[in-house]
PDB file of all heavy atoms in Angstrom:
ATOM      1  N   VAL A   1      13.325 -10.372  -6.496  1.00  0.00           N
ATOM      2  CA  VAL A   1      13.276  -9.018  -7.076  1.00  0.00           C
ATOM      3  C   VAL A   1      11.923  -8.778  -7.742  1.00  0.00           C
ATOM      4  O   VAL A   1      11.257  -7.768  -7.509  1.00  0.00           O
ATOM      5  CB  VAL A   1      14.406  -8.824  -8.109  1.00  0.00           C
ATOM      6  CG1 VAL A   1      14.256  -7.466  -8.800  1.00  0.00           C
ATOM      7  CG2 VAL A   1      15.765  -8.934  -7.445  1.00  0.00           C
ATOM      8  N   ARG A   2      11.500  -9.719  -8.573  1.00  0.00           N
ATOM      9  CA  ARG A   2      10.233  -9.547  -9.286  1.00  0.00           C
ATOM     10  C   ARG A   2       9.052  -9.537  -8.321  1.00  0.00           C
ATOM     11  O   ARG A   2       8.150  -8.707  -8.425  1.00  0.00           O
ATOM     12  CB  ARG A   2      10.041 -10.664 -10.311  1.00  0.00           C
ATOM     13  CG  ARG A   2       8.717 -10.522 -11.053  1.00  0.00           C
ATOM     14  CD  ARG A   2       8.488 -11.602 -12.095  1.00  0.00           C
ATOM     15  NE  ARG A   2       7.186 -11.393 -12.709  1.00  0.00           N
ATOM     16  CZ  ARG A   2       6.025 -11.823 -12.219  1.00  0.00           C
ATOM     17  NH1 ARG A   2       6.011 -12.522 -11.098  1.00  0.00           N
ATOM     18  NH2 ARG A   2       4.886 -11.566 -12.822  1.00  0.00           N
ATOM     19  N   ALA A   3       9.054 -10.473  -7.380  1.00  0.00           N
ATOM     20  CA  ALA A   3       7.921 -10.569  -6.454  1.00  0.00           C
ATOM     21  C   ALA A   3       7.825  -9.332  -5.561  1.00  0.00           C
ATOM     22  O   ALA A   3       6.725  -8.905  -5.208  1.00  0.00           O
ATOM     23  CB  ALA A   3       8.046 -11.830  -5.607  1.00  0.00           C
ATOM     24  N   THR A   4       8.954  -8.754  -5.190  1.00  0.00           N
ATOM     25  CA  THR A   4       8.932  -7.517  -4.404  1.00  0.00           C
ATOM     26  C   THR A   4       8.279  -6.402  -5.205  1.00  0.00           C
ATOM     27  O   THR A   4       7.444  -5.649  -4.685  1.00  0.00           O
ATOM     28  CB  THR A   4      10.359  -7.111  -3.997  1.00  0.00           C
ATOM     29  OG1 THR A   4      10.941  -8.149  -3.207  1.00  0.00           O
ATOM     30  CG2 THR A   4      10.348  -5.814  -3.191  1.00  0.00           C
ATOM     31  N   GLY A   5       8.622  -6.310  -6.485  1.00  0.00           N
ATOM     32  CA  GLY A   5       8.003  -5.307  -7.343  1.00  0.00           C
ATOM     33  C   GLY A   5       6.507  -5.518  -7.500  1.00  0.00           C
ATOM     34  O   GLY A   5       5.718  -4.562  -7.499  1.00  0.00           O
ATOM     35  N   VAL A   6       6.099  -6.791  -7.622  1.00  0.00           N
ATOM     36  CA  VAL A   6       4.671  -7.099  -7.741  1.00  0.00           C
ATOM     37  C   VAL A   6       3.938  -6.719  -6.463  1.00  0.00           C
ATOM     38  O   VAL A   6       2.832  -6.153  -6.503  1.00  0.00           O
ATOM     39  CB  VAL A   6       4.466  -8.587  -8.073  1.00  0.00           C
ATOM     40  CG1 VAL A   6       2.992  -8.967  -7.965  1.00  0.00           C
ATOM     41  CG2 VAL A   6       4.981  -8.902  -9.473  1.00  0.00           C
ATOM     42  N   ALA A   7       4.524  -7.023  -5.311  1.00  0.00           N
ATOM     43  CA  ALA A   7       3.892  -6.676  -4.033  1.00  0.00           C
ATOM     44  C   ALA A   7       3.740  -5.165  -3.900  1.00  0.00           C
ATOM     45  O   ALA A   7       2.689  -4.671  -3.458  1.00  0.00           O
ATOM     46  CB  ALA A   7       4.701  -7.242  -2.872  1.00  0.00           C
ATOM     47  N   LEU A   8       4.757  -4.412  -4.293  1.00  0.00           N
ATOM     48  CA  LEU A   8       4.659  -2.951  -4.273  1.00  0.00           C
ATOM     49  C   LEU A   8       3.529  -2.486  -5.194  1.00  0.00           C
ATOM     50  O   LEU A   8       2.746  -1.596  -4.843  1.00  0.00           O
ATOM     51  CB  LEU A   8       5.984  -2.327  -4.718  1.00  0.00           C
ATOM     52  CG  LEU A   8       7.081  -2.230  -3.657  1.00  0.00           C
ATOM     53  CD1 LEU A   8       8.437  -1.997  -4.316  1.00  0.00           C
ATOM     54  CD2 LEU A   8       6.777  -1.102  -2.680  1.00  0.00           C
ATOM     55  N   GLY A   9       3.446  -3.100  -6.369  1.00  0.00           N
ATOM     56  CA  GLY A   9       2.387  -2.746  -7.306  1.00  0.00           C
ATOM     57  C   GLY A   9       1.008  -3.027  -6.746  1.00  0.00           C
ATOM     58  O   GLY A   9       0.067  -2.243  -6.934  1.00  0.00           O
ATOM     59  N   ASN A  10       0.866  -4.142  -6.038  1.00  0.00           N
ATOM     60  CA  ASN A  10      -0.420  -4.453  -5.414  1.00  0.00           C
ATOM     61  C   ASN A  10      -0.778  -3.419  -4.350  1.00  0.00           C
ATOM     62  O   ASN A  10      -1.936  -3.024  -4.215  1.00  0.00           O
ATOM     63  CB  ASN A  10      -0.395  -5.853  -4.808  1.00  0.00           C
ATOM     64  CG  ASN A  10      -0.619  -6.942  -5.841  1.00  0.00           C
ATOM     65  OD1 ASN A  10      -1.455  -6.799  -6.727  1.00  0.00           O
ATOM     66  ND2 ASN A  10       0.121  -8.027  -5.744  1.00  0.00           N
ATOM     67  N   CYS A  11       0.217  -2.985  -3.584  1.00  0.00           N
ATOM     68  CA  CYS A  11      -0.045  -1.952  -2.569  1.00  0.00           C
ATOM     69  C   CYS A  11      -0.566  -0.676  -3.221  1.00  0.00           C
ATOM     70  O   CYS A  11      -1.452   0.000  -2.669  1.00  0.00           O
ATOM     71  CB  CYS A  11       1.230  -1.651  -1.787  1.00  0.00           C
ATOM     72  SG  CYS A  11       1.800  -2.998  -0.723  1.00  0.00           S
ATOM     73  N   VAL A  12      -0.021  -0.340  -4.392  1.00  0.00           N
ATOM     74  CA  VAL A  12      -0.484   0.842  -5.124  1.00  0.00           C
ATOM     75  C   VAL A  12      -1.907   0.622  -5.633  1.00  0.00           C
ATOM     76  O   VAL A  12      -2.796   1.464  -5.460  1.00  0.00           O
ATOM     77  CB  VAL A  12       0.463   1.164  -6.294  1.00  0.00           C
ATOM     78  CG1 VAL A  12      -0.124   2.261  -7.182  1.00  0.00           C
ATOM     79  CG2 VAL A  12       1.838   1.584  -5.772  1.00  0.00           C
ATOM     80  N   GLU A  13      -2.148  -0.527  -6.260  1.00  0.00           N
ATOM     81  CA  GLU A  13      -3.463  -0.799  -6.844  1.00  0.00           C
ATOM     82  C   GLU A  13      -4.539  -0.950  -5.773  1.00  0.00           C
ATOM     83  O   GLU A  13      -5.724  -0.694  -6.033  1.00  0.00           O
ATOM     84  CB  GLU A  13      -3.394  -2.031  -7.737  1.00  0.00           C
ATOM     85  CG  GLU A  13      -2.526  -1.800  -8.961  1.00  0.00           C
ATOM     86  CD  GLU A  13      -2.709  -2.843 -10.031  1.00  0.00           C
ATOM     87  OE1 GLU A  13      -3.816  -3.371 -10.182  1.00  0.00           O
ATOM     88  OE2 GLU A  13      -1.717  -3.135 -10.723  1.00  0.00           O
ATOM     89  N   TRP A  14      -4.148  -1.344  -4.577  1.00  0.00           N
ATOM     90  CA  TRP A  14      -5.104  -1.447  -3.481  1.00  0.00           C
ATOM     91  C   TRP A  14      -5.337  -0.101  -2.796  1.00  0.00           C
ATOM     92  O   TRP A  14      -6.079  -0.005  -1.829  1.00  0.00           O
ATOM     93  CB  TRP A  14      -4.640  -2.474  -2.459  1.00  0.00           C
ATOM     94  CG  TRP A  14      -4.629  -3.888  -2.974  1.00  0.00           C
ATOM     95  CD1 TRP A  14      -4.884  -4.305  -4.252  1.00  0.00           C
ATOM     96  CD2 TRP A  14      -4.340  -5.065  -2.221  1.00  0.00           C
ATOM     97  NE1 TRP A  14      -4.761  -5.676  -4.341  1.00  0.00           N
ATOM     98  CE2 TRP A  14      -4.433  -6.174  -3.113  1.00  0.00           C
ATOM     99  CE3 TRP A  14      -4.005  -5.303  -0.895  1.00  0.00           C
ATOM    100  CZ2 TRP A  14      -4.203  -7.480  -2.706  1.00  0.00           C
ATOM    101  CZ3 TRP A  14      -3.771  -6.612  -0.485  1.00  0.00           C
ATOM    102  CH2 TRP A  14      -3.886  -7.701  -1.391  1.00  0.00           C
ATOM    103  N   GLY A  15      -4.652   0.940  -3.284  1.00  0.00           N
ATOM    104  CA  GLY A  15      -4.862   2.291  -2.768  1.00  0.00           C
ATOM    105  C   GLY A  15      -4.147   2.599  -1.473  1.00  0.00           C
ATOM    106  O   GLY A  15      -4.488   3.571  -0.788  1.00  0.00           O
ATOM    107  N   LEU A  16      -3.115   1.810  -1.126  1.00  0.00           N
ATOM    108  CA  LEU A  16      -2.441   1.987   0.156  1.00  0.00           C
ATOM    109  C   LEU A  16      -1.029   2.546   0.026  1.00  0.00           C
ATOM    110  O   LEU A  16      -0.392   2.861   1.029  1.00  0.00           O
ATOM    111  CB  LEU A  16      -2.420   0.655   0.914  1.00  0.00           C
ATOM    112  CG  LEU A  16      -3.826   0.118   1.202  1.00  0.00           C
ATOM    113  CD1 LEU A  16      -3.754  -1.273   1.795  1.00  0.00           C
ATOM    114  CD2 LEU A  16      -4.595   1.047   2.129  1.00  0.00           C
ATOM    115  N   LEU A  17      -0.550   2.660  -1.181  1.00  0.00           N
ATOM    116  CA  LEU A  17       0.681   3.373  -1.487  1.00  0.00           C
ATOM    117  C   LEU A  17       0.422   4.232  -2.712  1.00  0.00           C
ATOM    118  O   LEU A  17      -0.414   3.887  -3.558  1.00  0.00           O
ATOM    119  CB  LEU A  17       1.841   2.414  -1.797  1.00  0.00           C
ATOM    120  CG  LEU A  17       2.640   1.802  -0.664  1.00  0.00           C
ATOM    121  CD1 LEU A  17       3.744   0.916  -1.238  1.00  0.00           C
ATOM    122  CD2 LEU A  17       3.248   2.860   0.250  1.00  0.00           C
ATOM    123  N   ARG A  18       1.157   5.311  -2.827  1.00  0.00           N
ATOM    124  CA  ARG A  18       1.123   6.118  -4.039  1.00  0.00           C
ATOM    125  C   ARG A  18       2.496   6.072  -4.694  1.00  0.00           C
ATOM    126  O   ARG A  18       3.497   5.781  -4.039  1.00  0.00           O
ATOM    127  CB  ARG A  18       0.730   7.561  -3.719  1.00  0.00           C
ATOM    128  CG  ARG A  18      -0.663   7.679  -3.105  1.00  0.00           C
ATOM    129  CD  ARG A  18      -1.107   9.116  -2.987  1.00  0.00           C
ATOM    130  NE  ARG A  18      -1.301   9.705  -4.311  1.00  0.00           N
ATOM    131  CZ  ARG A  18      -1.575  10.999  -4.515  1.00  0.00           C
ATOM    132  NH1 ARG A  18      -1.671  11.823  -3.480  1.00  0.00           N
ATOM    133  NH2 ARG A  18      -1.746  11.456  -5.736  1.00  0.00           N
ATOM    134  N   THR A  19       2.532   6.344  -5.989  1.00  0.00           N
ATOM    135  CA  THR A  19       3.790   6.316  -6.712  1.00  0.00           C
ATOM    136  C   THR A  19       3.778   7.364  -7.805  1.00  0.00           C
ATOM    137  O   THR A  19       2.710   7.844  -8.214  1.00  0.00           O
ATOM    138  CB  THR A  19       4.047   4.919  -7.309  1.00  0.00           C
ATOM    139  OG1 THR A  19       5.344   4.865  -7.898  1.00  0.00           O
ATOM    140  CG2 THR A  19       2.994   4.573  -8.370  1.00  0.00           C
ATOM    141  N   ASP A  20       4.955   7.735  -8.298  1.00  0.00           N
ATOM    142  CA  ASP A  20       5.021   8.676  -9.411  1.00  0.00           C
ATOM    143  C   ASP A  20       4.802   7.923 -10.720  1.00  0.00           C
ATOM    144  O   ASP A  20       4.678   6.693 -10.732  1.00  0.00           O
ATOM    145  CB  ASP A  20       6.365   9.423  -9.414  1.00  0.00           C
ATOM    146  CG  ASP A  20       7.566   8.486  -9.385  1.00  0.00           C
ATOM    147  OD1 ASP A  20       7.501   7.426 -10.042  1.00  0.00           O
ATOM    148  OD2 ASP A  20       8.555   8.803  -8.706  1.00  0.00           O
ATOM    149  N   THR A  21       4.735   8.628 -11.807  1.00  0.00           N
ATOM    150  CA  THR A  21       4.371   8.014 -13.089  1.00  0.00           C
ATOM    151  C   THR A  21       5.365   6.961 -13.549  1.00  0.00           C
ATOM    152  O   THR A  21       4.996   6.026 -14.263  1.00  0.00           O
ATOM    153  CB  THR A  21       4.229   9.084 -14.183  1.00  0.00           C
ATOM    154  OG1 THR A  21       5.440   9.854 -14.247  1.00  0.00           O
ATOM    155  CG2 THR A  21       3.058  10.011 -13.869  1.00  0.00           C
ATOM    156  N   ARG A  22       6.609   7.098 -13.140  1.00  0.00           N
ATOM    157  CA  ARG A  22       7.631   6.118 -13.555  1.00  0.00           C
ATOM    158  C   ARG A  22       7.920   5.074 -12.473  1.00  0.00           C
ATOM    159  O   ARG A  22       8.836   4.273 -12.605  1.00  0.00           O
ATOM    160  CB  ARG A  22       8.923   6.835 -13.947  1.00  0.00           C
ATOM    161  CG  ARG A  22       8.786   7.695 -15.203  1.00  0.00           C
ATOM    162  CD  ARG A  22      10.081   8.402 -15.513  1.00  0.00           C
ATOM    163  NE  ARG A  22      10.412   9.363 -14.443  1.00  0.00           N
ATOM    164  CZ  ARG A  22      11.584  10.000 -14.350  1.00  0.00           C
ATOM    165  NH1 ARG A  22      12.529   9.762 -15.236  1.00  0.00           N
ATOM    166  NH2 ARG A  22      11.807  10.859 -13.364  1.00  0.00           N
ATOM    167  N   ARG A  23       7.132   5.120 -11.401  1.00  0.00           N
ATOM    168  CA  ARG A  23       7.314   4.191 -10.283  1.00  0.00           C
ATOM    169  C   ARG A  23       8.756   4.184  -9.768  1.00  0.00           C
ATOM    170  O   ARG A  23       9.328   3.140  -9.469  1.00  0.00           O
ATOM    171  CB  ARG A  23       6.864   2.773 -10.668  1.00  0.00           C
ATOM    172  CG  ARG A  23       5.371   2.724 -10.999  1.00  0.00           C
ATOM    173  CD  ARG A  23       4.757   1.372 -10.700  1.00  0.00           C
ATOM    174  NE  ARG A  23       3.297   1.466 -10.793  1.00  0.00           N
ATOM    175  CZ  ARG A  23       2.459   0.536 -10.394  1.00  0.00           C
ATOM    176  NH1 ARG A  23       2.918  -0.572  -9.857  1.00  0.00           N
ATOM    177  NH2 ARG A  23       1.161   0.679 -10.492  1.00  0.00           N
ATOM    178  N   LYS A  24       9.316   5.388  -9.653  1.00  0.00           N
ATOM    179  CA  LYS A  24      10.665   5.508  -9.118  1.00  0.00           C
ATOM    180  C   LYS A  24      10.657   5.574  -7.591  1.00  0.00           C
ATOM    181  O   LYS A  24      11.652   5.256  -6.944  1.00  0.00           O
ATOM    182  CB  LYS A  24      11.333   6.771  -9.680  1.00  0.00           C
ATOM    183  CG  LYS A  24      11.616   6.719 -11.172  1.00  0.00           C
ATOM    184  CD  LYS A  24      12.694   5.703 -11.494  1.00  0.00           C
ATOM    185  CE  LYS A  24      13.050   5.733 -12.968  1.00  0.00           C
ATOM    186  NZ  LYS A  24      14.082   4.719 -13.299  1.00  0.00           N
ATOM    187  N   SER A  25       9.527   6.026  -7.030  1.00  0.00           N
ATOM    188  CA  SER A  25       9.446   6.086  -5.573  1.00  0.00           C
ATOM    189  C   SER A  25       8.002   5.869  -5.143  1.00  0.00           C
ATOM    190  O   SER A  25       7.064   6.006  -5.934  1.00  0.00           O
ATOM    191  CB  SER A  25       9.958   7.434  -5.049  1.00  0.00           C
ATOM    192  OG  SER A  25       9.160   8.505  -5.522  1.00  0.00           O
ATOM    193  N   TYR A  26       7.859   5.528  -3.869  1.00  0.00           N
ATOM    194  CA  TYR A  26       6.548   5.213  -3.304  1.00  0.00           C
ATOM    195  C   TYR A  26       6.396   5.943  -1.978  1.00  0.00           C
ATOM    196  O   TYR A  26       7.364   6.111  -1.234  1.00  0.00           O
ATOM    197  CB  TYR A  26       6.419   3.706  -3.057  1.00  0.00           C
ATOM    198  CG  TYR A  26       6.569   2.864  -4.299  1.00  0.00           C
ATOM    199  CD1 TYR A  26       7.834   2.513  -4.786  1.00  0.00           C
ATOM    200  CD2 TYR A  26       5.447   2.399  -4.995  1.00  0.00           C
ATOM    201  CE1 TYR A  26       7.972   1.736  -5.932  1.00  0.00           C
ATOM    202  CE2 TYR A  26       5.578   1.620  -6.138  1.00  0.00           C
ATOM    203  CZ  TYR A  26       6.846   1.299  -6.594  1.00  0.00           C
ATOM    204  OH  TYR A  26       6.982   0.534  -7.730  1.00  0.00           O
ATOM    205  N   TRP A  27       5.176   6.350  -1.675  1.00  0.00           N
ATOM    206  CA  TRP A  27       4.913   6.984  -0.393  1.00  0.00           C
ATOM    207  C   TRP A  27       3.512   6.622   0.068  1.00  0.00           C
ATOM    208  O   TRP A  27       2.691   6.131  -0.715  1.00  0.00           O
ATOM    209  CB  TRP A  27       5.107   8.499  -0.476  1.00  0.00           C
ATOM    210  CG  TRP A  27       4.163   9.208  -1.399  1.00  0.00           C
ATOM    211  CD1 TRP A  27       3.002   9.836  -1.070  1.00  0.00           C
ATOM    212  CD2 TRP A  27       4.308   9.383  -2.821  1.00  0.00           C
ATOM    213  NE1 TRP A  27       2.411  10.394  -2.178  1.00  0.00           N
ATOM    214  CE2 TRP A  27       3.193  10.123  -3.281  1.00  0.00           C
ATOM    215  CE3 TRP A  27       5.267   8.972  -3.756  1.00  0.00           C
ATOM    216  CZ2 TRP A  27       3.010  10.465  -4.606  1.00  0.00           C
ATOM    217  CZ3 TRP A  27       5.094   9.315  -5.091  1.00  0.00           C
ATOM    218  CH2 TRP A  27       3.973  10.055  -5.509  1.00  0.00           C
ATOM    219  N   SER A  28       3.253   6.855   1.334  1.00  0.00           N
ATOM    220  CA  SER A  28       1.979   6.442   1.922  1.00  0.00           C
ATOM    221  C   SER A  28       1.022   7.608   2.041  1.00  0.00           C
ATOM    222  O   SER A  28       1.430   8.734   2.352  1.00  0.00           O
ATOM    223  CB  SER A  28       2.221   5.849   3.315  1.00  0.00           C
ATOM    224  OG  SER A  28       1.007   5.443   3.905  1.00  0.00           O
ATOM    225  N   ASP A  29      -0.248   7.348   1.762  1.00  0.00           N
ATOM    226  CA  ASP A  29      -1.288   8.336   2.013  1.00  0.00           C
ATOM    227  C   ASP A  29      -1.582   8.368   3.514  1.00  0.00           C
ATOM    228  O   ASP A  29      -0.932   7.688   4.303  1.00  0.00           O
ATOM    229  CB  ASP A  29      -2.567   7.951   1.260  1.00  0.00           C
ATOM    230  CG  ASP A  29      -2.567   8.534  -0.153  1.00  0.00           C
ATOM    231  OD1 ASP A  29      -1.839   9.514  -0.377  1.00  0.00           O
ATOM    232  OD2 ASP A  29      -3.274   8.005  -1.015  1.00  0.00           O
ATOM    233  N   VAL A  30      -2.560   9.139   3.892  1.00  0.00           N
ATOM    234  CA  VAL A  30      -2.992   9.160   5.286  1.00  0.00           C
ATOM    235  C   VAL A  30      -3.422   7.749   5.695  1.00  0.00           C
ATOM    236  O   VAL A  30      -4.102   7.048   4.939  1.00  0.00           O
ATOM    237  CB  VAL A  30      -4.167  10.140   5.464  1.00  0.00           C
ATOM    238  CG1 VAL A  30      -4.695  10.097   6.900  1.00  0.00           C
ATOM    239  CG2 VAL A  30      -3.727  11.552   5.095  1.00  0.00           C
ATOM    240  N   ARG A  31      -2.994   7.333   6.866  1.00  0.00           N
ATOM    241  CA  ARG A  31      -3.322   5.984   7.321  1.00  0.00           C
ATOM    242  C   ARG A  31      -4.825   5.841   7.523  1.00  0.00           C
ATOM    243  O   ARG A  31      -5.489   6.751   8.016  1.00  0.00           O
ATOM    244  CB  ARG A  31      -2.579   5.690   8.618  1.00  0.00           C
ATOM    245  CG  ARG A  31      -1.072   5.648   8.436  1.00  0.00           C
ATOM    246  CD  ARG A  31      -0.365   5.721   9.762  1.00  0.00           C
ATOM    247  NE  ARG A  31      -0.547   4.510  10.532  1.00  0.00           N
ATOM    248  CZ  ARG A  31      -0.257   4.410  11.830  1.00  0.00           C
ATOM    249  NH1 ARG A  31       0.188   5.456  12.500  1.00  0.00           N
ATOM    250  NH2 ARG A  31      -0.432   3.271  12.456  1.00  0.00           N
ATOM    251  N   ARG A  32      -5.360   4.688   7.149  1.00  0.00           N
ATOM    252  CA  ARG A  32      -6.793   4.439   7.258  1.00  0.00           C
ATOM    253  C   ARG A  32      -7.150   3.967   8.666  1.00  0.00           C
ATOM    254  O   ARG A  32      -6.550   3.026   9.185  1.00  0.00           O
ATOM    255  CB  ARG A  32      -7.226   3.379   6.251  1.00  0.00           C
ATOM    256  CG  ARG A  32      -7.022   3.788   4.810  1.00  0.00           C
ATOM    257  CD  ARG A  32      -7.741   2.825   3.897  1.00  0.00           C
ATOM    258  NE  ARG A  32      -7.503   3.147   2.494  1.00  0.00           N
ATOM    259  CZ  ARG A  32      -8.248   2.706   1.499  1.00  0.00           C
ATOM    260  NH1 ARG A  32      -9.283   1.907   1.755  1.00  0.00           N
ATOM    261  NH2 ARG A  32      -7.996   3.035   0.249  1.00  0.00           N
ATOM    262  N   GLU A  33      -8.130   4.602   9.247  1.00  0.00           N
ATOM    263  CA  GLU A  33      -8.579   4.185  10.569  1.00  0.00           C
ATOM    264  C   GLU A  33      -9.461   2.946  10.443  1.00  0.00           C
ATOM    265  O   GLU A  33     -10.260   2.830   9.517  1.00  0.00           O
ATOM    266  CB  GLU A  33      -9.348   5.304  11.254  1.00  0.00           C
ATOM    267  CG  GLU A  33      -8.478   6.502  11.606  1.00  0.00           C
ATOM    268  CD  GLU A  33      -9.204   7.499  12.481  1.00  0.00           C
ATOM    269  OE1 GLU A  33     -10.340   7.199  12.923  1.00  0.00           O
ATOM    270  OE2 GLU A  33      -8.636   8.580  12.734  1.00  0.00           O
ATOM    271  N   VAL A  34      -9.297   2.024  11.376  1.00  0.00           N
ATOM    272  CA  VAL A  34     -10.141   0.830  11.407  1.00  0.00           C
ATOM    273  C   VAL A  34     -10.760   0.705  12.795  1.00  0.00           C
ATOM    274  O   VAL A  34     -10.224   1.213  13.782  1.00  0.00           O
ATOM    275  CB  VAL A  34      -9.339  -0.453  11.060  1.00  0.00           C
ATOM    276  CG1 VAL A  34      -8.786  -0.381   9.651  1.00  0.00           C
ATOM    277  CG2 VAL A  34      -8.210  -0.689  12.063  1.00  0.00           C
ATOM    278  N   GLY A  35     -11.897   0.029  12.855  1.00  0.00           N
ATOM    279  CA  GLY A  35     -12.579  -0.178  14.122  1.00  0.00           C
ATOM    280  C   GLY A  35     -11.942  -1.281  14.951  1.00  0.00           C
ATOM    281  O   GLY A  35     -11.006  -1.968  14.507  1.00  0.00           O
ATOM    282  N   GLN A  36     -12.461  -1.482  16.148  1.00  0.00           N
ATOM    283  CA  GLN A  36     -11.858  -2.420  17.088  1.00  0.00           C
ATOM    284  C   GLN A  36     -11.832  -3.851  16.563  1.00  0.00           C
ATOM    285  O   GLN A  36     -10.820  -4.548  16.706  1.00  0.00           O
ATOM    286  CB  GLN A  36     -12.619  -2.380  18.425  1.00  0.00           C
ATOM    287  CG  GLN A  36     -12.046  -3.324  19.470  1.00  0.00           C
ATOM    288  CD  GLN A  36     -12.713  -3.151  20.817  1.00  0.00           C
ATOM    289  OE1 GLN A  36     -12.846  -2.039  21.322  1.00  0.00           O
ATOM    290  NE2 GLN A  36     -13.155  -4.259  21.419  1.00  0.00           N
ATOM    291  N   ASP A  37     -12.913  -4.309  15.957  1.00  0.00           N
ATOM    292  CA  ASP A  37     -12.955  -5.696  15.489  1.00  0.00           C
ATOM    293  C   ASP A  37     -11.949  -5.938  14.367  1.00  0.00           C
ATOM    294  O   ASP A  37     -11.262  -6.963  14.349  1.00  0.00           O
ATOM    295  CB  ASP A  37     -14.362  -6.058  15.017  1.00  0.00           C
ATOM    296  CG  ASP A  37     -15.363  -6.142  16.163  1.00  0.00           C
ATOM    297  OD1 ASP A  37     -14.926  -6.297  17.319  1.00  0.00           O
ATOM    298  OD2 ASP A  37     -16.571  -6.053  15.894  1.00  0.00           O
ATOM    299  N   VAL A  38     -11.869  -4.999  13.429  1.00  0.00           N
ATOM    300  CA  VAL A  38     -10.907  -5.143  12.331  1.00  0.00           C
ATOM    301  C   VAL A  38      -9.487  -5.010  12.869  1.00  0.00           C
ATOM    302  O   VAL A  38      -8.576  -5.725  12.439  1.00  0.00           O
ATOM    303  CB  VAL A  38     -11.187  -4.114  11.221  1.00  0.00           C
ATOM    304  CG1 VAL A  38     -10.097  -4.156  10.149  1.00  0.00           C
ATOM    305  CG2 VAL A  38     -12.549  -4.380  10.588  1.00  0.00           C
ATOM    306  N   ALA A  39      -9.288  -4.118  13.830  1.00  0.00           N
ATOM    307  CA  ALA A  39      -7.966  -3.967  14.435  1.00  0.00           C
ATOM    308  C   ALA A  39      -7.516  -5.263  15.107  1.00  0.00           C
ATOM    309  O   ALA A  39      -6.353  -5.685  14.986  1.00  0.00           O
ATOM    310  CB  ALA A  39      -7.978  -2.828  15.447  1.00  0.00           C
ATOM    311  N   THR A  40      -8.427  -5.919  15.804  1.00  0.00           N
ATOM    312  CA  THR A  40      -8.095  -7.192  16.448  1.00  0.00           C
ATOM    313  C   THR A  40      -7.734  -8.241  15.413  1.00  0.00           C
ATOM    314  O   THR A  40      -6.808  -9.035  15.609  1.00  0.00           O
ATOM    315  CB  THR A  40      -9.283  -7.670  17.311  1.00  0.00           C
ATOM    316  OG1 THR A  40      -9.614  -6.658  18.266  1.00  0.00           O
ATOM    317  CG2 THR A  40      -8.935  -8.950  18.049  1.00  0.00           C
ATOM    318  N   PHE A  41      -8.456  -8.235  14.298  1.00  0.00           N
ATOM    319  CA  PHE A  41      -8.137  -9.156  13.197  1.00  0.00           C
ATOM    320  C   PHE A  41      -6.731  -8.879  12.671  1.00  0.00           C
ATOM    321  O   PHE A  41      -5.956  -9.814  12.403  1.00  0.00           O
ATOM    322  CB  PHE A  41      -9.172  -8.986  12.083  1.00  0.00           C
ATOM    323  CG  PHE A  41      -9.014  -9.924  10.922  1.00  0.00           C
ATOM    324  CD1 PHE A  41      -9.555 -11.202  10.967  1.00  0.00           C
ATOM    325  CD2 PHE A  41      -8.329  -9.533   9.784  1.00  0.00           C
ATOM    326  CE1 PHE A  41      -9.413 -12.071   9.897  1.00  0.00           C
ATOM    327  CE2 PHE A  41      -8.179 -10.398   8.700  1.00  0.00           C
ATOM    328  CZ  PHE A  41      -8.723 -11.675   8.759  1.00  0.00           C
ATOM    329  N   LEU A  42      -6.358  -7.609  12.521  1.00  0.00           N
ATOM    330  CA  LEU A  42      -5.027  -7.260  12.036  1.00  0.00           C
ATOM    331  C   LEU A  42      -3.941  -7.663  13.035  1.00  0.00           C
ATOM    332  O   LEU A  42      -2.848  -8.085  12.643  1.00  0.00           O
ATOM    333  CB  LEU A  42      -4.944  -5.761  11.744  1.00  0.00           C
ATOM    334  CG  LEU A  42      -5.724  -5.278  10.518  1.00  0.00           C
ATOM    335  CD1 LEU A  42      -5.683  -3.753  10.419  1.00  0.00           C
ATOM    336  CD2 LEU A  42      -5.181  -5.901   9.234  1.00  0.00           C
TER     337      LEU A  42
END
């Protein structure tokens, strides 16, 4: 439970999820485009 919350928090702090002020819900911003080399790495 705790680690899931921490992972969600990291996604927010890394700028890949957004959340409301009370962290009751999370949503995604526009997906970030990556180039071919980074895509292959992913």
